[in-house]
Amino acid sequence: MVHKILFWAGFGIATRFVQLGIEMRPFFQRGALWVYPLFAGIGGSFGYWMKGVEDRQVKMLQQRKEIIIEKRRRRAEREAAEVGTPSETAGVLASTS
């Protein structure tokens, strides 16, 4: 989690460097140094938000995966129970060939 926040904080600082480079202004001016922590904070908060989004998506995907596995297990049990009757077996074999 921390590495994503630090990455996005660094991205915010890099954004400030690009901005100053486009404007052709000096990177470090005494009166404008307060902006770097601001950009880092904005980038870090974005990274924190993205981490929350990722956690929610992983949780949702895990729940969906469990539902699908449960469906497949029930289907396999149902098909295993149906294999016991001879008329059903013939129909299954005929439909698969």
PDB file of N, CA and C in Angstrom:
ATOM      1  N   MET A   1       0.822  -1.185   0.000  1.00  0.00           N
ATOM      2  CA  MET A   1       0.000   0.000   0.000  1.00  0.00           C
ATOM      3  C   MET A   1       0.870   1.255   0.000  1.00  0.00           C
ATOM      4  N   VAL A   2       1.889   1.249   0.807  1.00  0.00           N
ATOM      5  CA  VAL A   2       2.738   2.427   0.932  1.00  0.00           C
ATOM      6  C   VAL A   2       3.470   2.720  -0.378  1.00  0.00           C
ATOM      7  N   HIS A   3       3.874   1.659  -1.088  1.00  0.00           N
ATOM      8  CA  HIS A   3       4.627   1.890  -2.320  1.00  0.00           C
ATOM      9  C   HIS A   3       3.767   2.575  -3.377  1.00  0.00           C
ATOM     10  N   LYS A   4       2.461   2.284  -3.407  1.00  0.00           N
ATOM     11  CA  LYS A   4       1.594   2.954  -4.377  1.00  0.00           C
ATOM     12  C   LYS A   4       1.406   4.421  -4.025  1.00  0.00           C
ATOM     13  N   ILE A   5       1.268   4.702  -2.750  1.00  0.00           N
ATOM     14  CA  ILE A   5       1.112   6.093  -2.323  1.00  0.00           C
ATOM     15  C   ILE A   5       2.383   6.876  -2.621  1.00  0.00           C
ATOM     16  N   LEU A   6       3.537   6.275  -2.330  1.00  0.00           N
ATOM     17  CA  LEU A   6       4.810   6.950  -2.618  1.00  0.00           C
ATOM     18  C   LEU A   6       5.007   7.144  -4.121  1.00  0.00           C
ATOM     19  N   PHE A   7       4.611   6.153  -4.918  1.00  0.00           N
ATOM     20  CA  PHE A   7       4.729   6.300  -6.369  1.00  0.00           C
ATOM     21  C   PHE A   7       3.923   7.496  -6.850  1.00  0.00           C
ATOM     22  N   TRP A   8       2.660   7.582  -6.416  1.00  0.00           N
ATOM     23  CA  TRP A   8       1.805   8.671  -6.886  1.00  0.00           C
ATOM     24  C   TRP A   8       2.246  10.020  -6.320  1.00  0.00           C
ATOM     25  N   ALA A   9       2.826  10.032  -5.126  1.00  0.00           N
ATOM     26  CA  ALA A   9       3.378  11.273  -4.596  1.00  0.00           C
ATOM     27  C   ALA A   9       4.561  11.727  -5.462  1.00  0.00           C
ATOM     28  N   GLY A  10       5.411  10.772  -5.832  1.00  0.00           N
ATOM     29  CA  GLY A  10       6.515  11.089  -6.748  1.00  0.00           C
ATOM     30  C   GLY A  10       6.014  11.541  -8.107  1.00  0.00           C
ATOM     31  N   PHE A  11       4.920  10.950  -8.550  1.00  0.00           N
ATOM     32  CA  PHE A  11       4.332  11.359  -9.823  1.00  0.00           C
ATOM     33  C   PHE A  11       3.835  12.804  -9.734  1.00  0.00           C
ATOM     34  N   GLY A  12       3.275  13.175  -8.587  1.00  0.00           N
ATOM     35  CA  GLY A  12       2.833  14.558  -8.396  1.00  0.00           C
ATOM     36  C   GLY A  12       3.998  15.541  -8.460  1.00  0.00           C
ATOM     37  N   ILE A  13       5.105  15.176  -7.835  1.00  0.00           N
ATOM     38  CA  ILE A  13       6.293  16.037  -7.886  1.00  0.00           C
ATOM     39  C   ILE A  13       6.835  16.114  -9.309  1.00  0.00           C
ATOM     40  N   ALA A  14       6.849  14.966 -10.000  1.00  0.00           N
ATOM     41  CA  ALA A  14       7.314  14.962 -11.394  1.00  0.00           C
ATOM     42  C   ALA A  14       6.417  15.837 -12.260  1.00  0.00           C
ATOM     43  N   THR A  15       5.135  15.848 -11.958  1.00  0.00           N
ATOM     44  CA  THR A  15       4.206  16.703 -12.691  1.00  0.00           C
ATOM     45  C   THR A  15       4.578  18.171 -12.515  1.00  0.00           C
ATOM     46  N   ARG A  16       4.955  18.531 -11.299  1.00  0.00           N
ATOM     47  CA  ARG A  16       5.373  19.917 -11.042  1.00  0.00           C
ATOM     48  C   ARG A  16       6.640  20.254 -11.838  1.00  0.00           C
ATOM     49  N   PHE A  17       7.584  19.313 -11.877  1.00  0.00           N
ATOM     50  CA  PHE A  17       8.801  19.547 -12.665  1.00  0.00           C
ATOM     51  C   PHE A  17       8.477  19.734 -14.141  1.00  0.00           C
ATOM     52  N   VAL A  18       7.577  18.930 -14.669  1.00  0.00           N
ATOM     53  CA  VAL A  18       7.187  19.060 -16.081  1.00  0.00           C
ATOM     54  C   VAL A  18       6.505  20.403 -16.310  1.00  0.00           C
ATOM     55  N   GLN A  19       5.650  20.785 -15.387  1.00  0.00           N
ATOM     56  CA  GLN A  19       4.967  22.072 -15.507  1.00  0.00           C
ATOM     57  C   GLN A  19       5.972  23.219 -15.565  1.00  0.00           C
ATOM     58  N   LEU A  20       6.930  23.211 -14.653  1.00  0.00           N
ATOM     59  CA  LEU A  20       7.936  24.278 -14.657  1.00  0.00           C
ATOM     60  C   LEU A  20       8.830  24.199 -15.888  1.00  0.00           C
ATOM     61  N   GLY A  21       9.088  22.989 -16.372  1.00  0.00           N
ATOM     62  CA  GLY A  21       9.896  22.845 -17.578  1.00  0.00           C
ATOM     63  C   GLY A  21       9.199  23.410 -18.800  1.00  0.00           C
ATOM     64  N   ILE A  22       7.892  23.185 -18.881  1.00  0.00           N
ATOM     65  CA  ILE A  22       7.135  23.735 -20.010  1.00  0.00           C
ATOM     66  C   ILE A  22       7.117  25.257 -19.949  1.00  0.00           C
ATOM     67  N   GLU A  23       6.982  25.781 -18.749  1.00  0.00           N
ATOM     68  CA  GLU A  23       6.974  27.239 -18.581  1.00  0.00           C
ATOM     69  C   GLU A  23       8.373  27.842 -18.637  1.00  0.00           C
ATOM     70  N   MET A  24       9.407  27.000 -18.666  1.00  0.00           N
ATOM     71  CA  MET A  24      10.804  27.423 -18.684  1.00  0.00           C
ATOM     72  C   MET A  24      11.132  28.308 -17.482  1.00  0.00           C
ATOM     73  N   ARG A  25      10.664  27.889 -16.319  1.00  0.00           N
ATOM     74  CA  ARG A  25      10.954  28.588 -15.074  1.00  0.00           C
ATOM     75  C   ARG A  25      11.930  27.762 -14.264  1.00  0.00           C
ATOM     76  N   PRO A  26      12.654  28.369 -13.344  1.00  0.00           N
ATOM     77  CA  PRO A  26      13.579  27.600 -12.501  1.00  0.00           C
ATOM     78  C   PRO A  26      12.802  26.603 -11.622  1.00  0.00           C
ATOM     79  N   PHE A  27      13.412  25.445 -11.391  1.00  0.00           N
ATOM     80  CA  PHE A  27      12.748  24.402 -10.618  1.00  0.00           C
ATOM     81  C   PHE A  27      12.614  24.766  -9.144  1.00  0.00           C
ATOM     82  N   PHE A  28      13.627  25.430  -8.593  1.00  0.00           N
ATOM     83  CA  PHE A  28      13.605  25.724  -7.166  1.00  0.00           C
ATOM     84  C   PHE A  28      13.699  27.232  -6.959  1.00  0.00           C
ATOM     85  N   GLN A  29      12.599  27.825  -6.557  1.00  0.00           N
ATOM     86  CA  GLN A  29      12.580  29.236  -6.170  1.00  0.00           C
ATOM     87  C   GLN A  29      12.161  29.298  -4.707  1.00  0.00           C
ATOM     88  N   ARG A  30      12.763  30.203  -3.990  1.00  0.00           N
ATOM     89  CA  ARG A  30      12.515  30.272  -2.548  1.00  0.00           C
ATOM     90  C   ARG A  30      11.030  30.478  -2.242  1.00  0.00           C
ATOM     91  N   GLY A  31      10.342  31.283  -2.967  1.00  0.00           N
ATOM     92  CA  GLY A  31       8.936  31.579  -2.691  1.00  0.00           C
ATOM     93  C   GLY A  31       7.969  30.513  -3.181  1.00  0.00           C
ATOM     94  N   ALA A  32       8.436  29.587  -3.994  1.00  0.00           N
ATOM     95  CA  ALA A  32       7.517  28.612  -4.597  1.00  0.00           C
ATOM     96  C   ALA A  32       7.811  27.174  -4.163  1.00  0.00           C
ATOM     97  N   LEU A  33       8.589  26.994  -3.099  1.00  0.00           N
ATOM     98  CA  LEU A  33       8.904  25.626  -2.660  1.00  0.00           C
ATOM     99  C   LEU A  33       7.728  24.943  -1.965  1.00  0.00           C
ATOM    100  N   TRP A  34       6.760  25.706  -1.488  1.00  0.00           N
ATOM    101  CA  TRP A  34       5.609  25.126  -0.811  1.00  0.00           C
ATOM    102  C   TRP A  34       4.739  24.304  -1.766  1.00  0.00           C
ATOM    103  N   VAL A  35       4.897  24.508  -3.064  1.00  0.00           N
ATOM    104  CA  VAL A  35       4.040  23.834  -4.036  1.00  0.00           C
ATOM    105  C   VAL A  35       4.421  22.351  -4.172  1.00  0.00           C
ATOM    106  N   TYR A  36       5.685  22.007  -3.964  1.00  0.00           N
ATOM    107  CA  TYR A  36       6.097  20.605  -4.103  1.00  0.00           C
ATOM    108  C   TYR A  36       5.377  19.689  -3.107  1.00  0.00           C
ATOM    109  N   PRO A  37       5.301  20.042  -1.825  1.00  0.00           N
ATOM    110  CA  PRO A  37       4.512  19.188  -0.918  1.00  0.00           C
ATOM    111  C   PRO A  37       3.032  19.137  -1.293  1.00  0.00           C
ATOM    112  N   LEU A  38       2.515  20.219  -1.847  1.00  0.00           N
ATOM    113  CA  LEU A  38       1.124  20.233  -2.287  1.00  0.00           C
ATOM    114  C   LEU A  38       0.910  19.212  -3.407  1.00  0.00           C
ATOM    115  N   PHE A  39       1.773  19.242  -4.416  1.00  0.00           N
ATOM    116  CA  PHE A  39       1.655  18.295  -5.522  1.00  0.00           C
ATOM    117  C   PHE A  39       1.874  16.858  -5.039  1.00  0.00           C
ATOM    118  N   ALA A  40       2.824  16.675  -4.117  1.00  0.00           N
ATOM    119  CA  ALA A  40       3.065  15.341  -3.558  1.00  0.00           C
ATOM    120  C   ALA A  40       1.848  14.878  -2.767  1.00  0.00           C
ATOM    121  N   GLY A  41       1.232  15.772  -2.021  1.00  0.00           N
ATOM    122  CA  GLY A  41       0.040  15.413  -1.255  1.00  0.00           C
ATOM    123  C   GLY A  41      -1.132  15.053  -2.141  1.00  0.00           C
ATOM    124  N   ILE A  42      -1.325  15.806  -3.203  1.00  0.00           N
ATOM    125  CA  ILE A  42      -2.404  15.501  -4.140  1.00  0.00           C
ATOM    126  C   ILE A  42      -2.154  14.153  -4.808  1.00  0.00           C
ATOM    127  N   GLY A  43      -0.921  13.933  -5.248  1.00  0.00           N
ATOM    128  CA  GLY A  43      -0.588  12.643  -5.870  1.00  0.00           C
ATOM    129  C   GLY A  43      -0.713  11.497  -4.892  1.00  0.00           C
ATOM    130  N   GLY A  44      -0.260  11.689  -3.660  1.00  0.00           N
ATOM    131  CA  GLY A  44      -0.371  10.637  -2.645  1.00  0.00           C
ATOM    132  C   GLY A  44      -1.809  10.323  -2.295  1.00  0.00           C
ATOM    133  N   SER A  45      -2.650  11.345  -2.218  1.00  0.00           N
ATOM    134  CA  SER A  45      -4.065  11.095  -1.917  1.00  0.00           C
ATOM    135  C   SER A  45      -4.734  10.365  -3.072  1.00  0.00           C
ATOM    136  N   PHE A  46      -4.333  10.675  -4.293  1.00  0.00           N
ATOM    137  CA  PHE A  46      -4.851   9.927  -5.446  1.00  0.00           C
ATOM    138  C   PHE A  46      -4.417   8.468  -5.364  1.00  0.00           C
ATOM    139  N   GLY A  47      -3.159   8.225  -4.986  1.00  0.00           N
ATOM    140  CA  GLY A  47      -2.674   6.857  -4.830  1.00  0.00           C
ATOM    141  C   GLY A  47      -3.417   6.109  -3.736  1.00  0.00           C
ATOM    142  N   TYR A  48      -3.731   6.792  -2.645  1.00  0.00           N
ATOM    143  CA  TYR A  48      -4.496   6.183  -1.552  1.00  0.00           C
ATOM    144  C   TYR A  48      -5.897   5.823  -2.027  1.00  0.00           C
ATOM    145  N   TRP A  49      -6.508   6.718  -2.790  1.00  0.00           N
ATOM    146  CA  TRP A  49      -7.839   6.454  -3.342  1.00  0.00           C
ATOM    147  C   TRP A  49      -7.800   5.268  -4.305  1.00  0.00           C
ATOM    148  N   MET A  50      -6.779   5.235  -5.161  1.00  0.00           N
ATOM    149  CA  MET A  50      -6.654   4.124  -6.116  1.00  0.00           C
ATOM    150  C   MET A  50      -6.452   2.792  -5.400  1.00  0.00           C
ATOM    151  N   LYS A  51      -5.730   2.793  -4.299  1.00  0.00           N
ATOM    152  CA  LYS A  51      -5.538   1.571  -3.516  1.00  0.00           C
ATOM    153  C   LYS A  51      -6.881   1.080  -2.974  1.00  0.00           C
ATOM    154  N   GLY A  52      -7.719   1.985  -2.512  1.00  0.00           N
ATOM    155  CA  GLY A  52      -9.054   1.611  -2.053  1.00  0.00           C
ATOM    156  C   GLY A  52      -9.902   1.030  -3.173  1.00  0.00           C
ATOM    157  N   VAL A  53      -9.814   1.635  -4.353  1.00  0.00           N
ATOM    158  CA  VAL A  53     -10.544   1.123  -5.515  1.00  0.00           C
ATOM    159  C   VAL A  53     -10.066  -0.288  -5.846  1.00  0.00           C
ATOM    160  N   GLU A  54      -8.760  -0.479  -5.841  1.00  0.00           N
ATOM    161  CA  GLU A  54      -8.198  -1.798  -6.142  1.00  0.00           C
ATOM    162  C   GLU A  54      -8.647  -2.839  -5.118  1.00  0.00           C
ATOM    163  N   ASP A  55      -8.641  -2.487  -3.849  1.00  0.00           N
ATOM    164  CA  ASP A  55      -9.072  -3.419  -2.802  1.00  0.00           C
ATOM    165  C   ASP A  55     -10.529  -3.825  -2.989  1.00  0.00           C
ATOM    166  N   ARG A  56     -11.385  -2.847  -3.309  1.00  0.00           N
ATOM    167  CA  ARG A  56     -12.797  -3.164  -3.535  1.00  0.00           C
ATOM    168  C   ARG A  56     -12.981  -4.058  -4.752  1.00  0.00           C
ATOM    169  N   GLN A  57     -12.220  -3.814  -5.818  1.00  0.00           N
ATOM    170  CA  GLN A  57     -12.334  -4.641  -7.018  1.00  0.00           C
ATOM    171  C   GLN A  57     -11.852  -6.060  -6.763  1.00  0.00           C
ATOM    172  N   VAL A  58     -10.752  -6.208  -6.023  1.00  0.00           N
ATOM    173  CA  VAL A  58     -10.241  -7.544  -5.711  1.00  0.00           C
ATOM    174  C   VAL A  58     -11.256  -8.308  -4.854  1.00  0.00           C
ATOM    175  N   LYS A  59     -11.874  -7.618  -3.901  1.00  0.00           N
ATOM    176  CA  LYS A  59     -12.880  -8.248  -3.053  1.00  0.00           C
ATOM    177  C   LYS A  59     -14.084  -8.693  -3.885  1.00  0.00           C
ATOM    178  N   MET A  60     -14.522  -7.834  -4.801  1.00  0.00           N
ATOM    179  CA  MET A  60     -15.648  -8.176  -5.661  1.00  0.00           C
ATOM    180  C   MET A  60     -15.318  -9.361  -6.569  1.00  0.00           C
ATOM    181  N   LEU A  61     -14.114  -9.358  -7.131  1.00  0.00           N
ATOM    182  CA  LEU A  61     -13.701 -10.464  -7.999  1.00  0.00           C
ATOM    183  C   LEU A  61     -13.594 -11.770  -7.227  1.00  0.00           C
ATOM    184  N   GLN A  62     -13.112 -11.711  -6.007  1.00  0.00           N
ATOM    185  CA  GLN A  62     -13.006 -12.910  -5.175  1.00  0.00           C
ATOM    186  C   GLN A  62     -14.387 -13.466  -4.861  1.00  0.00           C
ATOM    187  N   GLN A  63     -15.346 -12.592  -4.541  1.00  0.00           N
ATOM    188  CA  GLN A  63     -16.707 -13.051  -4.275  1.00  0.00           C
ATOM    189  C   GLN A  63     -17.319 -13.687  -5.516  1.00  0.00           C
ATOM    190  N   ARG A  64     -17.103 -13.056  -6.664  1.00  0.00           N
ATOM    191  CA  ARG A  64     -17.644 -13.597  -7.919  1.00  0.00           C
ATOM    192  C   ARG A  64     -17.006 -14.943  -8.239  1.00  0.00           C
ATOM    193  N   LYS A  65     -15.719 -15.072  -7.994  1.00  0.00           N
ATOM    194  CA  LYS A  65     -15.017 -16.330  -8.231  1.00  0.00           C
ATOM    195  C   LYS A  65     -15.589 -17.443  -7.356  1.00  0.00           C
ATOM    196  N   GLU A  66     -15.861 -17.128  -6.081  1.00  0.00           N
ATOM    197  CA  GLU A  66     -16.445 -18.126  -5.181  1.00  0.00           C
ATOM    198  C   GLU A  66     -17.829 -18.540  -5.647  1.00  0.00           C
ATOM    199  N   ILE A  67     -18.623 -17.592  -6.140  1.00  0.00           N
ATOM    200  CA  ILE A  67     -19.964 -17.913  -6.649  1.00  0.00           C
ATOM    201  C   ILE A  67     -19.858 -18.841  -7.855  1.00  0.00           C
ATOM    202  N   ILE A  68     -18.948 -18.557  -8.765  1.00  0.00           N
ATOM    203  CA  ILE A  68     -18.789 -19.383  -9.961  1.00  0.00           C
ATOM    204  C   ILE A  68     -18.309 -20.781  -9.587  1.00  0.00           C
ATOM    205  N   ILE A  69     -17.375 -20.885  -8.668  1.00  0.00           N
ATOM    206  CA  ILE A  69     -16.879 -22.202  -8.238  1.00  0.00           C
ATOM    207  C   ILE A  69     -18.010 -23.002  -7.599  1.00  0.00           C
ATOM    208  N   GLU A  70     -18.838 -22.347  -6.801  1.00  0.00           N
ATOM    209  CA  GLU A  70     -19.970 -23.035  -6.171  1.00  0.00           C
ATOM    210  C   GLU A  70     -20.972 -23.511  -7.226  1.00  0.00           C
ATOM    211  N   LYS A  71     -21.242 -22.690  -8.241  1.00  0.00           N
ATOM    212  CA  LYS A  71     -22.138 -23.097  -9.328  1.00  0.00           C
ATOM    213  C   LYS A  71     -21.585 -24.319 -10.056  1.00  0.00           C
ATOM    214  N   ARG A  72     -20.293 -24.295 -10.343  1.00  0.00           N
ATOM    215  CA  ARG A  72     -19.672 -25.429 -11.049  1.00  0.00           C
ATOM    216  C   ARG A  72     -19.713 -26.692 -10.202  1.00  0.00           C
ATOM    217  N   ARG A  73     -19.523 -26.554  -8.894  1.00  0.00           N
ATOM    218  CA  ARG A  73     -19.576 -27.715  -8.011  1.00  0.00           C
ATOM    219  C   ARG A  73     -20.979 -28.313  -7.994  1.00  0.00           C
ATOM    220  N   ARG A  74     -21.997 -27.467  -7.891  1.00  0.00           N
ATOM    221  CA  ARG A  74     -23.374 -27.961  -7.891  1.00  0.00           C
ATOM    222  C   ARG A  74     -23.724 -28.608  -9.222  1.00  0.00           C
ATOM    223  N   ARG A  75     -23.250 -28.021 -10.321  1.00  0.00           N
ATOM    224  CA  ARG A  75     -23.530 -28.591 -11.647  1.00  0.00           C
ATOM    225  C   ARG A  75     -22.867 -29.952 -11.796  1.00  0.00           C
ATOM    226  N   ALA A  76     -21.632 -30.069 -11.313  1.00  0.00           N
ATOM    227  CA  ALA A  76     -20.928 -31.354 -11.390  1.00  0.00           C
ATOM    228  C   ALA A  76     -21.644 -32.408 -10.556  1.00  0.00           C
ATOM    229  N   GLU A  77     -22.147 -32.016  -9.376  1.00  0.00           N
ATOM    230  CA  GLU A  77     -22.896 -32.968  -8.555  1.00  0.00           C
ATOM    231  C   GLU A  77     -24.186 -33.394  -9.244  1.00  0.00           C
ATOM    232  N   ARG A  78     -24.868 -32.426  -9.852  1.00  0.00           N
ATOM    233  CA  ARG A  78     -26.116 -32.728 -10.560  1.00  0.00           C
ATOM    234  C   ARG A  78     -25.864 -33.654 -11.751  1.00  0.00           C
ATOM    235  N   GLU A  79     -24.802 -33.391 -12.506  1.00  0.00           N
ATOM    236  CA  GLU A  79     -24.476 -34.237 -13.656  1.00  0.00           C
ATOM    237  C   GLU A  79     -24.029 -35.619 -13.215  1.00  0.00           C
ATOM    238  N   ALA A  80     -23.327 -35.694 -12.092  1.00  0.00           N
ATOM    239  CA  ALA A  80     -22.899 -36.999 -11.578  1.00  0.00           C
ATOM    240  C   ALA A  80     -24.110 -37.817 -11.141  1.00  0.00           C
ATOM    241  N   ALA A  81     -25.125 -37.165 -10.597  1.00  0.00           N
ATOM    242  CA  ALA A  81     -26.341 -37.870 -10.190  1.00  0.00           C
ATOM    243  C   ALA A  81     -27.137 -38.324 -11.396  1.00  0.00           C
ATOM    244  N   GLU A  82     -27.093 -37.573 -12.483  1.00  0.00           N
ATOM    245  CA  GLU A  82     -27.841 -37.929 -13.693  1.00  0.00           C
ATOM    246  C   GLU A  82     -27.184 -39.058 -14.472  1.00  0.00           C
ATOM    247  N   VAL A  83     -25.902 -39.276 -14.290  1.00  0.00           N
ATOM    248  CA  VAL A  83     -25.180 -40.309 -15.031  1.00  0.00           C
ATOM    249  C   VAL A  83     -25.688 -41.697 -14.644  1.00  0.00           C
ATOM    250  N   GLY A  84     -26.266 -41.851 -13.483  1.00  0.00           N
ATOM    251  CA  GLY A  84     -26.730 -43.145 -12.987  1.00  0.00           C
ATOM    252  C   GLY A  84     -27.835 -43.760 -13.826  1.00  0.00           C
ATOM    253  N   THR A  85     -28.649 -42.993 -14.519  1.00  0.00           N
ATOM    254  CA  THR A  85     -29.740 -43.551 -15.321  1.00  0.00           C
ATOM    255  C   THR A  85     -29.245 -43.858 -16.728  1.00  0.00           C
ATOM    256  N   PRO A  86     -29.576 -45.061 -17.288  1.00  0.00           N
ATOM    257  CA  PRO A  86     -29.056 -45.453 -18.606  1.00  0.00           C
ATOM    258  C   PRO A  86     -29.609 -44.595 -19.742  1.00  0.00           C
ATOM    259  N   SER A  87     -30.848 -44.157 -19.675  1.00  0.00           N
ATOM    260  CA  SER A  87     -31.397 -43.376 -20.779  1.00  0.00           C
ATOM    261  C   SER A  87     -30.729 -42.013 -20.885  1.00  0.00           C
ATOM    262  N   GLU A  88     -30.373 -41.439 -19.773  1.00  0.00           N
ATOM    263  CA  GLU A  88     -29.693 -40.157 -19.771  1.00  0.00           C
ATOM    264  C   GLU A  88     -28.295 -40.280 -20.339  1.00  0.00           C
ATOM    265  N   THR A  89     -27.601 -41.387 -20.054  1.00  0.00           N
ATOM    266  CA  THR A  89     -26.243 -41.596 -20.555  1.00  0.00           C
ATOM    267  C   THR A  89     -26.246 -41.663 -22.082  1.00  0.00           C
ATOM    268  N   ALA A  90     -27.226 -42.359 -22.634  1.00  0.00           N
ATOM    269  CA  ALA A  90     -27.295 -42.458 -24.084  1.00  0.00           C
ATOM    270  C   ALA A  90     -27.526 -41.082 -24.712  1.00  0.00           C
ATOM    271  N   GLY A  91     -28.369 -40.288 -24.078  1.00  0.00           N
ATOM    272  CA  GLY A  91     -28.623 -38.952 -24.603  1.00  0.00           C
ATOM    273  C   GLY A  91     -27.404 -38.063 -24.520  1.00  0.00           C
ATOM    274  N   VAL A  92     -26.642 -38.185 -23.463  1.00  0.00           N
ATOM    275  CA  VAL A  92     -25.429 -37.388 -23.316  1.00  0.00           C
ATOM    276  C   VAL A  92     -24.405 -37.798 -24.353  1.00  0.00           C
ATOM    277  N   LEU A  93     -24.233 -39.086 -24.557  1.00  0.00           N
ATOM    278  CA  LEU A  93     -23.268 -39.558 -25.537  1.00  0.00           C
ATOM    279  C   LEU A  93     -23.685 -39.165 -26.946  1.00  0.00           C
ATOM    280  N   ALA A  94     -24.962 -39.253 -27.235  1.00  0.00           N
ATOM    281  CA  ALA A  94     -25.429 -38.879 -28.563  1.00  0.00           C
ATOM    282  C   ALA A  94     -25.248 -37.383 -28.826  1.00  0.00           C
ATOM    283  N   SER A  95     -25.434 -36.582 -27.777  1.00  0.00           N
ATOM    284  CA  SER A  95     -25.333 -35.134 -27.982  1.00  0.00           C
ATOM    285  C   SER A  95     -23.881 -34.673 -28.073  1.00  0.00           C
ATOM    286  N   THR A  96     -22.948 -35.456 -27.554  1.00  0.00           N
ATOM    287  CA  THR A  96     -21.543 -35.026 -27.594  1.00  0.00           C
ATOM    288  C   THR A  96     -20.816 -35.499 -28.837  1.00  0.00           C
ATOM    289  N   SER A  97     -21.353 -36.428 -29.552  1.00  0.00           N
ATOM    290  CA  SER A  97     -20.639 -36.930 -30.737  1.00  0.00           C
ATOM    291  C   SER A  97     -20.982 -36.181 -31.989  1.00  0.00           C
TER     292      SER A  97
END
